[in-house]
Amino acid sequence: MTITMQDVAYQLGLKIDSDPVSGCMDDRQSQTKWTVKLTWFHNTVCRELEQDATEERLLRYTRGYIMQLIGDILFSYASDSRVHIRWLSLPEDLDTCGGLS
């Protein structure tokens, strides 16, 4: 048995039939050089959300959370908790982001 794209779509609620998000890296050094630790997103961007958070703060939190999902689940590195900076532009426009697979 193996995990299929349909399994991923069902478990994570992600689309699998629209514009794809993909990429590959040539070497491990470039992966480490252009990455941000996920703990930074958690501590800086996604820290506890206030009850009376502004819309700007909610959007920032949402973008940080999406980056954590990208780095921790979708494009994770086997031995490190980092996310590549090339994914930073994806959650910039949340309306467009929802149309990606």
PDB file of N, CA and C in Angstrom:
ATOM      1  N   MET A   1       0.845  -1.177   0.000  1.00  0.00           N
ATOM      2  CA  MET A   1       0.000   0.000   0.000  1.00  0.00           C
ATOM      3  C   MET A   1       0.888   1.237   0.000  1.00  0.00           C
ATOM      4  N   THR A   2       0.339   2.312  -0.498  1.00  0.00           N
ATOM      5  CA  THR A   2       1.064   3.572  -0.519  1.00  0.00           C
ATOM      6  C   THR A   2       0.078   4.727  -0.354  1.00  0.00           C
ATOM      7  N   ILE A   3       0.599   5.854   0.046  1.00  0.00           N
ATOM      8  CA  ILE A   3      -0.233   7.048   0.178  1.00  0.00           C
ATOM      9  C   ILE A   3      -0.428   7.650  -1.203  1.00  0.00           C
ATOM     10  N   THR A   4      -1.655   7.961  -1.544  1.00  0.00           N
ATOM     11  CA  THR A   4      -1.962   8.557  -2.833  1.00  0.00           C
ATOM     12  C   THR A   4      -2.277  10.041  -2.664  1.00  0.00           C
ATOM     13  N   MET A   5      -2.327  10.748  -3.776  1.00  0.00           N
ATOM     14  CA  MET A   5      -2.702  12.159  -3.728  1.00  0.00           C
ATOM     15  C   MET A   5      -4.119  12.324  -3.183  1.00  0.00           C
ATOM     16  N   GLN A   6      -4.998  11.374  -3.478  1.00  0.00           N
ATOM     17  CA  GLN A   6      -6.357  11.434  -2.955  1.00  0.00           C
ATOM     18  C   GLN A   6      -6.363  11.310  -1.434  1.00  0.00           C
ATOM     19  N   ASP A   7      -5.464  10.489  -0.888  1.00  0.00           N
ATOM     20  CA  ASP A   7      -5.338  10.370   0.567  1.00  0.00           C
ATOM     21  C   ASP A   7      -4.927  11.704   1.176  1.00  0.00           C
ATOM     22  N   VAL A   8      -3.947  12.334   0.558  1.00  0.00           N
ATOM     23  CA  VAL A   8      -3.469  13.630   1.049  1.00  0.00           C
ATOM     24  C   VAL A   8      -4.591  14.661   0.977  1.00  0.00           C
ATOM     25  N   ALA A   9      -5.298  14.680  -0.125  1.00  0.00           N
ATOM     26  CA  ALA A   9      -6.403  15.629  -0.291  1.00  0.00           C
ATOM     27  C   ALA A   9      -7.472  15.419   0.773  1.00  0.00           C
ATOM     28  N   TYR A  10      -7.786  14.176   1.048  1.00  0.00           N
ATOM     29  CA  TYR A  10      -8.818  13.867   2.043  1.00  0.00           C
ATOM     30  C   TYR A  10      -8.369  14.233   3.453  1.00  0.00           C
ATOM     31  N   GLN A  11      -7.140  13.862   3.813  1.00  0.00           N
ATOM     32  CA  GLN A  11      -6.661  14.079   5.175  1.00  0.00           C
ATOM     33  C   GLN A  11      -6.349  15.539   5.472  1.00  0.00           C
ATOM     34  N   LEU A  12      -5.793  16.266   4.506  1.00  0.00           N
ATOM     35  CA  LEU A  12      -5.393  17.654   4.745  1.00  0.00           C
ATOM     36  C   LEU A  12      -6.370  18.673   4.166  1.00  0.00           C
ATOM     37  N   GLY A  13      -7.343  18.203   3.415  1.00  0.00           N
ATOM     38  CA  GLY A  13      -8.300  19.117   2.813  1.00  0.00           C
ATOM     39  C   GLY A  13      -7.683  19.974   1.721  1.00  0.00           C
ATOM     40  N   LEU A  14      -6.679  19.439   1.031  1.00  0.00           N
ATOM     41  CA  LEU A  14      -5.985  20.189  -0.007  1.00  0.00           C
ATOM     42  C   LEU A  14      -6.505  19.813  -1.389  1.00  0.00           C
ATOM     43  N   LYS A  15      -6.458  20.783  -2.311  1.00  0.00           N
ATOM     44  CA  LYS A  15      -6.845  20.514  -3.688  1.00  0.00           C
ATOM     45  C   LYS A  15      -5.737  19.746  -4.386  1.00  0.00           C
ATOM     46  N   ILE A  16      -6.132  18.887  -5.313  1.00  0.00           N
ATOM     47  CA  ILE A  16      -5.124  18.154  -6.078  1.00  0.00           C
ATOM     48  C   ILE A  16      -5.367  18.295  -7.578  1.00  0.00           C
ATOM     49  N   ASP A  17      -6.296  19.154  -7.975  1.00  0.00           N
ATOM     50  CA  ASP A  17      -6.628  19.252  -9.394  1.00  0.00           C
ATOM     51  C   ASP A  17      -6.557  20.678  -9.939  1.00  0.00           C
ATOM     52  N   SER A  18      -5.780  21.554  -9.308  1.00  0.00           N
ATOM     53  CA  SER A  18      -5.616  22.912  -9.807  1.00  0.00           C
ATOM     54  C   SER A  18      -4.132  23.194 -10.025  1.00  0.00           C
ATOM     55  N   ASP A  19      -3.737  24.467 -10.145  1.00  0.00           N
ATOM     56  CA  ASP A  19      -2.343  24.808 -10.407  1.00  0.00           C
ATOM     57  C   ASP A  19      -1.432  24.209  -9.343  1.00  0.00           C
ATOM     58  N   PRO A  20      -0.398  23.466  -9.761  1.00  0.00           N
ATOM     59  CA  PRO A  20       0.461  22.775  -8.790  1.00  0.00           C
ATOM     60  C   PRO A  20       1.516  23.681  -8.159  1.00  0.00           C
ATOM     61  N   VAL A  21       1.903  23.336  -6.954  1.00  0.00           N
ATOM     62  CA  VAL A  21       3.046  23.932  -6.280  1.00  0.00           C
ATOM     63  C   VAL A  21       4.065  22.821  -6.144  1.00  0.00           C
ATOM     64  N   SER A  22       5.229  23.003  -6.743  1.00  0.00           N
ATOM     65  CA  SER A  22       6.227  21.957  -6.684  1.00  0.00           C
ATOM     66  C   SER A  22       7.616  22.567  -6.783  1.00  0.00           C
ATOM     67  N   GLY A  23       8.599  21.740  -6.628  1.00  0.00           N
ATOM     68  CA  GLY A  23       9.963  22.204  -6.751  1.00  0.00           C
ATOM     69  C   GLY A  23      10.935  21.151  -6.290  1.00  0.00           C
ATOM     70  N   CYS A  24      12.181  21.309  -6.712  1.00  0.00           N
ATOM     71  CA  CYS A  24      13.211  20.392  -6.263  1.00  0.00           C
ATOM     72  C   CYS A  24      14.482  21.181  -6.000  1.00  0.00           C
ATOM     73  N   MET A  25      15.350  20.615  -5.189  1.00  0.00           N
ATOM     74  CA  MET A  25      16.607  21.247  -4.840  1.00  0.00           C
ATOM     75  C   MET A  25      17.738  20.368  -5.347  1.00  0.00           C
ATOM     76  N   ASP A  26      18.831  21.016  -5.789  1.00  0.00           N
ATOM     77  CA  ASP A  26      19.961  20.268  -6.325  1.00  0.00           C
ATOM     78  C   ASP A  26      20.863  19.682  -5.252  1.00  0.00           C
ATOM     79  N   ASP A  27      21.142  20.460  -4.191  1.00  0.00           N
ATOM     80  CA  ASP A  27      22.047  19.956  -3.159  1.00  0.00           C
ATOM     81  C   ASP A  27      21.598  20.394  -1.775  1.00  0.00           C
ATOM     82  N   ARG A  28      22.089  19.692  -0.776  1.00  0.00           N
ATOM     83  CA  ARG A  28      21.705  19.942   0.621  1.00  0.00           C
ATOM     84  C   ARG A  28      22.169  21.322   1.106  1.00  0.00           C
ATOM     85  N   GLN A  29      23.310  21.807   0.605  1.00  0.00           N
ATOM     86  CA  GLN A  29      23.816  23.109   1.050  1.00  0.00           C
ATOM     87  C   GLN A  29      22.836  24.219   0.677  1.00  0.00           C
ATOM     88  N   SER A  30      22.304  24.202  -0.523  1.00  0.00           N
ATOM     89  CA  SER A  30      21.363  25.254  -0.907  1.00  0.00           C
ATOM     90  C   SER A  30      20.072  25.152  -0.109  1.00  0.00           C
ATOM     91  N   GLN A  31      19.723  23.954   0.339  1.00  0.00           N
ATOM     92  CA  GLN A  31      18.521  23.796   1.157  1.00  0.00           C
ATOM     93  C   GLN A  31      18.696  24.493   2.497  1.00  0.00           C
ATOM     94  N   THR A  32      19.843  24.346   3.109  1.00  0.00           N
ATOM     95  CA  THR A  32      20.085  24.949   4.416  1.00  0.00           C
ATOM     96  C   THR A  32      20.311  26.443   4.308  1.00  0.00           C
ATOM     97  N   LYS A  33      20.982  26.873   3.246  1.00  0.00           N
ATOM     98  CA  LYS A  33      21.337  28.293   3.094  1.00  0.00           C
ATOM     99  C   LYS A  33      20.118  29.181   2.933  1.00  0.00           C
ATOM    100  N   TRP A  34      19.105  28.726   2.250  1.00  0.00           N
ATOM    101  CA  TRP A  34      17.950  29.561   1.935  1.00  0.00           C
ATOM    102  C   TRP A  34      16.699  29.123   2.679  1.00  0.00           C
ATOM    103  N   THR A  35      16.855  28.754   3.926  1.00  0.00           N
ATOM    104  CA  THR A  35      15.712  28.298   4.714  1.00  0.00           C
ATOM    105  C   THR A  35      15.549  29.110   5.990  1.00  0.00           C
ATOM    106  N   VAL A  36      14.360  28.994   6.562  1.00  0.00           N
ATOM    107  CA  VAL A  36      14.029  29.628   7.837  1.00  0.00           C
ATOM    108  C   VAL A  36      13.564  28.517   8.767  1.00  0.00           C
ATOM    109  N   LYS A  37      13.999  28.564  10.001  1.00  0.00           N
ATOM    110  CA  LYS A  37      13.558  27.551  10.960  1.00  0.00           C
ATOM    111  C   LYS A  37      12.065  27.714  11.251  1.00  0.00           C
ATOM    112  N   LEU A  38      11.374  26.602  11.327  1.00  0.00           N
ATOM    113  CA  LEU A  38       9.942  26.636  11.628  1.00  0.00           C
ATOM    114  C   LEU A  38       9.675  27.160  13.035  1.00  0.00           C
ATOM    115  N   THR A  39      10.631  26.962  13.934  1.00  0.00           N
ATOM    116  CA  THR A  39      10.453  27.506  15.277  1.00  0.00           C
ATOM    117  C   THR A  39      10.384  29.026  15.244  1.00  0.00           C
ATOM    118  N   TRP A  40      11.075  29.642  14.276  1.00  0.00           N
ATOM    119  CA  TRP A  40      10.996  31.098  14.134  1.00  0.00           C
ATOM    120  C   TRP A  40       9.573  31.519  13.758  1.00  0.00           C
ATOM    121  N   PHE A  41       8.968  30.809  12.797  1.00  0.00           N
ATOM    122  CA  PHE A  41       7.582  31.113  12.432  1.00  0.00           C
ATOM    123  C   PHE A  41       6.666  30.940  13.638  1.00  0.00           C
ATOM    124  N   HIS A  42       6.892  29.874  14.382  1.00  0.00           N
ATOM    125  CA  HIS A  42       6.037  29.615  15.536  1.00  0.00           C
ATOM    126  C   HIS A  42       6.200  30.699  16.603  1.00  0.00           C
ATOM    127  N   ASN A  43       7.429  31.061  16.920  1.00  0.00           N
ATOM    128  CA  ASN A  43       7.684  32.024  17.992  1.00  0.00           C
ATOM    129  C   ASN A  43       7.458  33.476  17.590  1.00  0.00           C
ATOM    130  N   THR A  44       7.668  33.802  16.326  1.00  0.00           N
ATOM    131  CA  THR A  44       7.589  35.191  15.890  1.00  0.00           C
ATOM    132  C   THR A  44       6.271  35.527  15.216  1.00  0.00           C
ATOM    133  N   VAL A  45       5.841  34.692  14.311  1.00  0.00           N
ATOM    134  CA  VAL A  45       4.662  34.988  13.513  1.00  0.00           C
ATOM    135  C   VAL A  45       3.407  34.344  14.086  1.00  0.00           C
ATOM    136  N   CYS A  46       3.513  33.121  14.566  1.00  0.00           N
ATOM    137  CA  CYS A  46       2.332  32.375  15.000  1.00  0.00           C
ATOM    138  C   CYS A  46       2.209  32.250  16.513  1.00  0.00           C
ATOM    139  N   ARG A  47       2.838  33.150  17.228  1.00  0.00           N
ATOM    140  CA  ARG A  47       2.679  33.061  18.681  1.00  0.00           C
ATOM    141  C   ARG A  47       1.191  33.164  19.018  1.00  0.00           C
ATOM    142  N   GLU A  48       0.854  32.961  20.253  1.00  0.00           N
ATOM    143  CA  GLU A  48      -0.551  32.903  20.647  1.00  0.00           C
ATOM    144  C   GLU A  48      -1.333  34.092  20.113  1.00  0.00           C
ATOM    145  N   LEU A  49      -2.464  33.803  19.526  1.00  0.00           N
ATOM    146  CA  LEU A  49      -3.310  34.821  18.920  1.00  0.00           C
ATOM    147  C   LEU A  49      -4.193  35.466  19.978  1.00  0.00           C
ATOM    148  N   GLU A  50      -4.188  36.779  19.989  1.00  0.00           N
ATOM    149  CA  GLU A  50      -4.969  37.524  20.979  1.00  0.00           C
ATOM    150  C   GLU A  50      -6.464  37.455  20.648  1.00  0.00           C
ATOM    151  N   GLN A  51      -7.304  37.575  21.662  1.00  0.00           N
ATOM    152  CA  GLN A  51      -8.762  37.561  21.474  1.00  0.00           C
ATOM    153  C   GLN A  51      -9.223  38.713  20.587  1.00  0.00           C
ATOM    154  N   ASP A  52      -8.608  39.878  20.764  1.00  0.00           N
ATOM    155  CA  ASP A  52      -9.016  41.069  20.016  1.00  0.00           C
ATOM    156  C   ASP A  52      -8.037  41.395  18.887  1.00  0.00           C
ATOM    157  N   ALA A  53      -7.512  40.382  18.246  1.00  0.00           N
ATOM    158  CA  ALA A  53      -6.518  40.559  17.188  1.00  0.00           C
ATOM    159  C   ALA A  53      -7.098  41.343  16.015  1.00  0.00           C
ATOM    160  N   THR A  54      -6.268  42.213  15.463  1.00  0.00           N
ATOM    161  CA  THR A  54      -6.680  42.993  14.292  1.00  0.00           C
ATOM    162  C   THR A  54      -6.699  42.095  13.060  1.00  0.00           C
ATOM    163  N   GLU A  55      -7.330  42.582  12.002  1.00  0.00           N
ATOM    164  CA  GLU A  55      -7.375  41.811  10.762  1.00  0.00           C
ATOM    165  C   GLU A  55      -5.963  41.586  10.216  1.00  0.00           C
ATOM    166  N   GLU A  56      -5.116  42.600  10.339  1.00  0.00           N
ATOM    167  CA  GLU A  56      -3.731  42.462   9.887  1.00  0.00           C
ATOM    168  C   GLU A  56      -3.009  41.359  10.655  1.00  0.00           C
ATOM    169  N   ARG A  57      -3.237  41.290  11.958  1.00  0.00           N
ATOM    170  CA  ARG A  57      -2.610  40.257  12.793  1.00  0.00           C
ATOM    171  C   ARG A  57      -3.145  38.870  12.427  1.00  0.00           C
ATOM    172  N   LEU A  58      -4.450  38.781  12.150  1.00  0.00           N
ATOM    173  CA  LEU A  58      -5.035  37.500  11.740  1.00  0.00           C
ATOM    174  C   LEU A  58      -4.440  37.019  10.421  1.00  0.00           C
ATOM    175  N   LEU A  59      -4.257  37.932   9.478  1.00  0.00           N
ATOM    176  CA  LEU A  59      -3.668  37.569   8.190  1.00  0.00           C
ATOM    177  C   LEU A  59      -2.214  37.129   8.365  1.00  0.00           C
ATOM    178  N   ARG A  60      -1.474  37.839   9.209  1.00  0.00           N
ATOM    179  CA  ARG A  60      -0.078  37.473   9.475  1.00  0.00           C
ATOM    180  C   ARG A  60      -0.008  36.079  10.110  1.00  0.00           C
ATOM    181  N   TYR A  61      -0.869  35.837  11.069  1.00  0.00           N
ATOM    182  CA  TYR A  61      -0.929  34.534  11.724  1.00  0.00           C
ATOM    183  C   TYR A  61      -1.246  33.438  10.701  1.00  0.00           C
ATOM    184  N   THR A  62      -2.230  33.694   9.860  1.00  0.00           N
ATOM    185  CA  THR A  62      -2.639  32.713   8.847  1.00  0.00           C
ATOM    186  C   THR A  62      -1.501  32.398   7.894  1.00  0.00           C
ATOM    187  N   ARG A  63      -0.798  33.427   7.441  1.00  0.00           N
ATOM    188  CA  ARG A  63       0.334  33.210   6.527  1.00  0.00           C
ATOM    189  C   ARG A  63       1.446  32.413   7.208  1.00  0.00           C
ATOM    190  N   GLY A  64       1.718  32.724   8.454  1.00  0.00           N
ATOM    191  CA  GLY A  64       2.729  31.977   9.193  1.00  0.00           C
ATOM    192  C   GLY A  64       2.328  30.529   9.393  1.00  0.00           C
ATOM    193  N   TYR A  65       1.057  30.306   9.668  1.00  0.00           N
ATOM    194  CA  TYR A  65       0.550  28.949   9.848  1.00  0.00           C
ATOM    195  C   TYR A  65       0.679  28.152   8.547  1.00  0.00           C
ATOM    196  N   ILE A  66       0.352  28.796   7.421  1.00  0.00           N
ATOM    197  CA  ILE A  66       0.482  28.141   6.125  1.00  0.00           C
ATOM    198  C   ILE A  66       1.943  27.778   5.861  1.00  0.00           C
ATOM    199  N   MET A  67       2.861  28.675   6.205  1.00  0.00           N
ATOM    200  CA  MET A  67       4.283  28.383   6.020  1.00  0.00           C
ATOM    201  C   MET A  67       4.704  27.201   6.882  1.00  0.00           C
ATOM    202  N   GLN A  68       4.162  27.105   8.088  1.00  0.00           N
ATOM    203  CA  GLN A  68       4.471  25.951   8.933  1.00  0.00           C
ATOM    204  C   GLN A  68       3.950  24.668   8.303  1.00  0.00           C
ATOM    205  N   LEU A  69       2.766  24.697   7.715  1.00  0.00           N
ATOM    206  CA  LEU A  69       2.227  23.518   7.037  1.00  0.00           C
ATOM    207  C   LEU A  69       3.098  23.129   5.844  1.00  0.00           C
ATOM    208  N   ILE A  70       3.514  24.132   5.068  1.00  0.00           N
ATOM    209  CA  ILE A  70       4.363  23.861   3.910  1.00  0.00           C
ATOM    210  C   ILE A  70       5.677  23.226   4.360  1.00  0.00           C
ATOM    211  N   GLY A  71       6.314  23.813   5.355  1.00  0.00           N
ATOM    212  CA  GLY A  71       7.620  23.328   5.788  1.00  0.00           C
ATOM    213  C   GLY A  71       7.586  22.054   6.606  1.00  0.00           C
ATOM    214  N   ASP A  72       6.513  21.846   7.347  1.00  0.00           N
ATOM    215  CA  ASP A  72       6.460  20.705   8.254  1.00  0.00           C
ATOM    216  C   ASP A  72       5.774  19.482   7.652  1.00  0.00           C
ATOM    217  N   ILE A  73       4.840  19.701   6.732  1.00  0.00           N
ATOM    218  CA  ILE A  73       4.069  18.585   6.187  1.00  0.00           C
ATOM    219  C   ILE A  73       4.303  18.388   4.689  1.00  0.00           C
ATOM    220  N   LEU A  74       4.152  19.451   3.905  1.00  0.00           N
ATOM    221  CA  LEU A  74       4.180  19.291   2.453  1.00  0.00           C
ATOM    222  C   LEU A  74       5.581  19.145   1.865  1.00  0.00           C
ATOM    223  N   PHE A  75       6.513  20.016   2.270  1.00  0.00           N
ATOM    224  CA  PHE A  75       7.862  19.993   1.713  1.00  0.00           C
ATOM    225  C   PHE A  75       8.880  19.914   2.836  1.00  0.00           C
ATOM    226  N   SER A  76       8.716  18.968   3.701  1.00  0.00           N
ATOM    227  CA  SER A  76       9.598  18.885   4.864  1.00  0.00           C
ATOM    228  C   SER A  76      10.937  18.260   4.509  1.00  0.00           C
ATOM    229  N   TYR A  77      11.962  18.657   5.249  1.00  0.00           N
ATOM    230  CA  TYR A  77      13.283  18.044   5.138  1.00  0.00           C
ATOM    231  C   TYR A  77      13.328  16.931   6.173  1.00  0.00           C
ATOM    232  N   ALA A  78      13.944  15.835   5.822  1.00  0.00           N
ATOM    233  CA  ALA A  78      13.915  14.636   6.659  1.00  0.00           C
ATOM    234  C   ALA A  78      14.437  14.864   8.067  1.00  0.00           C
ATOM    235  N   SER A  79      15.504  15.622   8.220  1.00  0.00           N
ATOM    236  CA  SER A  79      16.121  15.718   9.543  1.00  0.00           C
ATOM    237  C   SER A  79      16.122  17.127  10.133  1.00  0.00           C
ATOM    238  N   ASP A  80      15.427  18.054   9.520  1.00  0.00           N
ATOM    239  CA  ASP A  80      15.504  19.431   9.984  1.00  0.00           C
ATOM    240  C   ASP A  80      14.134  20.090   9.897  1.00  0.00           C
ATOM    241  N   SER A  81      13.834  20.963  10.832  1.00  0.00           N
ATOM    242  CA  SER A  81      12.559  21.673  10.847  1.00  0.00           C
ATOM    243  C   SER A  81      12.741  23.047  10.225  1.00  0.00           C
ATOM    244  N   ARG A  82      12.827  23.071   8.916  1.00  0.00           N
ATOM    245  CA  ARG A  82      13.040  24.312   8.182  1.00  0.00           C
ATOM    246  C   ARG A  82      12.081  24.381   7.002  1.00  0.00           C
ATOM    247  N   VAL A  83      11.865  25.611   6.520  1.00  0.00           N
ATOM    248  CA  VAL A  83      11.074  25.823   5.319  1.00  0.00           C
ATOM    249  C   VAL A  83      11.894  26.707   4.387  1.00  0.00           C
ATOM    250  N   HIS A  84      11.895  26.359   3.108  1.00  0.00           N
ATOM    251  CA  HIS A  84      12.665  27.115   2.135  1.00  0.00           C
ATOM    252  C   HIS A  84      11.984  28.461   1.878  1.00  0.00           C
ATOM    253  N   ILE A  85      12.794  29.507   1.708  1.00  0.00           N
ATOM    254  CA  ILE A  85      12.226  30.853   1.546  1.00  0.00           C
ATOM    255  C   ILE A  85      11.490  31.030   0.223  1.00  0.00           C
ATOM    256  N   ARG A  86      11.679  30.122  -0.721  1.00  0.00           N
ATOM    257  CA  ARG A  86      10.963  30.278  -1.987  1.00  0.00           C
ATOM    258  C   ARG A  86       9.447  30.143  -1.808  1.00  0.00           C
ATOM    259  N   TRP A  87       9.015  29.523  -0.706  1.00  0.00           N
ATOM    260  CA  TRP A  87       7.581  29.354  -0.473  1.00  0.00           C
ATOM    261  C   TRP A  87       6.963  30.595   0.179  1.00  0.00           C
ATOM    262  N   LEU A  88       7.766  31.573   0.587  1.00  0.00           N
ATOM    263  CA  LEU A  88       7.248  32.754   1.281  1.00  0.00           C
ATOM    264  C   LEU A  88       6.221  33.532   0.461  1.00  0.00           C
ATOM    265  N   SER A  89       6.357  33.524  -0.840  1.00  0.00           N
ATOM    266  CA  SER A  89       5.420  34.294  -1.674  1.00  0.00           C
ATOM    267  C   SER A  89       4.065  33.608  -1.837  1.00  0.00           C
ATOM    268  N   LEU A  90       3.984  32.304  -1.568  1.00  0.00           N
ATOM    269  CA  LEU A  90       2.720  31.587  -1.773  1.00  0.00           C
ATOM    270  C   LEU A  90       1.557  32.124  -0.946  1.00  0.00           C
ATOM    271  N   PRO A  91       1.707  32.302   0.365  1.00  0.00           N
ATOM    272  CA  PRO A  91       0.558  32.779   1.150  1.00  0.00           C
ATOM    273  C   PRO A  91       0.382  34.297   1.124  1.00  0.00           C
ATOM    274  N   GLU A  92       1.115  35.005   0.259  1.00  0.00           N
ATOM    275  CA  GLU A  92       0.989  36.461   0.199  1.00  0.00           C
ATOM    276  C   GLU A  92      -0.432  36.876  -0.164  1.00  0.00           C
ATOM    277  N   ASP A  93      -1.003  36.242  -1.174  1.00  0.00           N
ATOM    278  CA  ASP A  93      -2.385  36.511  -1.584  1.00  0.00           C
ATOM    279  C   ASP A  93      -3.207  35.276  -1.239  1.00  0.00           C
ATOM    280  N   LEU A  94      -3.928  35.342  -0.137  1.00  0.00           N
ATOM    281  CA  LEU A  94      -4.648  34.160   0.355  1.00  0.00           C
ATOM    282  C   LEU A  94      -5.750  33.700  -0.595  1.00  0.00           C
ATOM    283  N   ASP A  95      -6.321  34.617  -1.385  1.00  0.00           N
ATOM    284  CA  ASP A  95      -7.343  34.222  -2.363  1.00  0.00           C
ATOM    285  C   ASP A  95      -6.731  33.346  -3.446  1.00  0.00           C
ATOM    286  N   THR A  96      -5.555  33.720  -3.925  1.00  0.00           N
ATOM    287  CA  THR A  96      -4.863  32.944  -4.937  1.00  0.00           C
ATOM    288  C   THR A  96      -4.331  31.650  -4.340  1.00  0.00           C
ATOM    289  N   CYS A  97      -3.849  31.715  -3.119  1.00  0.00           N
ATOM    290  CA  CYS A  97      -3.288  30.561  -2.431  1.00  0.00           C
ATOM    291  C   CYS A  97      -4.293  29.414  -2.347  1.00  0.00           C
ATOM    292  N   GLY A  98      -5.555  29.740  -2.173  1.00  0.00           N
ATOM    293  CA  GLY A  98      -6.591  28.713  -2.075  1.00  0.00           C
ATOM    294  C   GLY A  98      -6.840  27.960  -3.360  1.00  0.00           C
ATOM    295  N   GLY A  99      -6.334  28.474  -4.484  1.00  0.00           N
ATOM    296  CA  GLY A  99      -6.521  27.814  -5.759  1.00  0.00           C
ATOM    297  C   GLY A  99      -5.357  26.942  -6.177  1.00  0.00           C
ATOM    298  N   LEU A 100      -4.362  26.792  -5.313  1.00  0.00           N
ATOM    299  CA  LEU A 100      -3.192  25.990  -5.641  1.00  0.00           C
ATOM    300  C   LEU A 100      -3.352  24.555  -5.155  1.00  0.00           C
ATOM    301  N   SER A 101      -2.675  23.651  -5.830  1.00  0.00           N
ATOM    302  CA  SER A 101      -2.679  22.246  -5.409  1.00  0.00           C
ATOM    303  C   SER A 101      -1.374  21.929  -4.742  1.00  0.00           C
TER     304      SER A 101
END
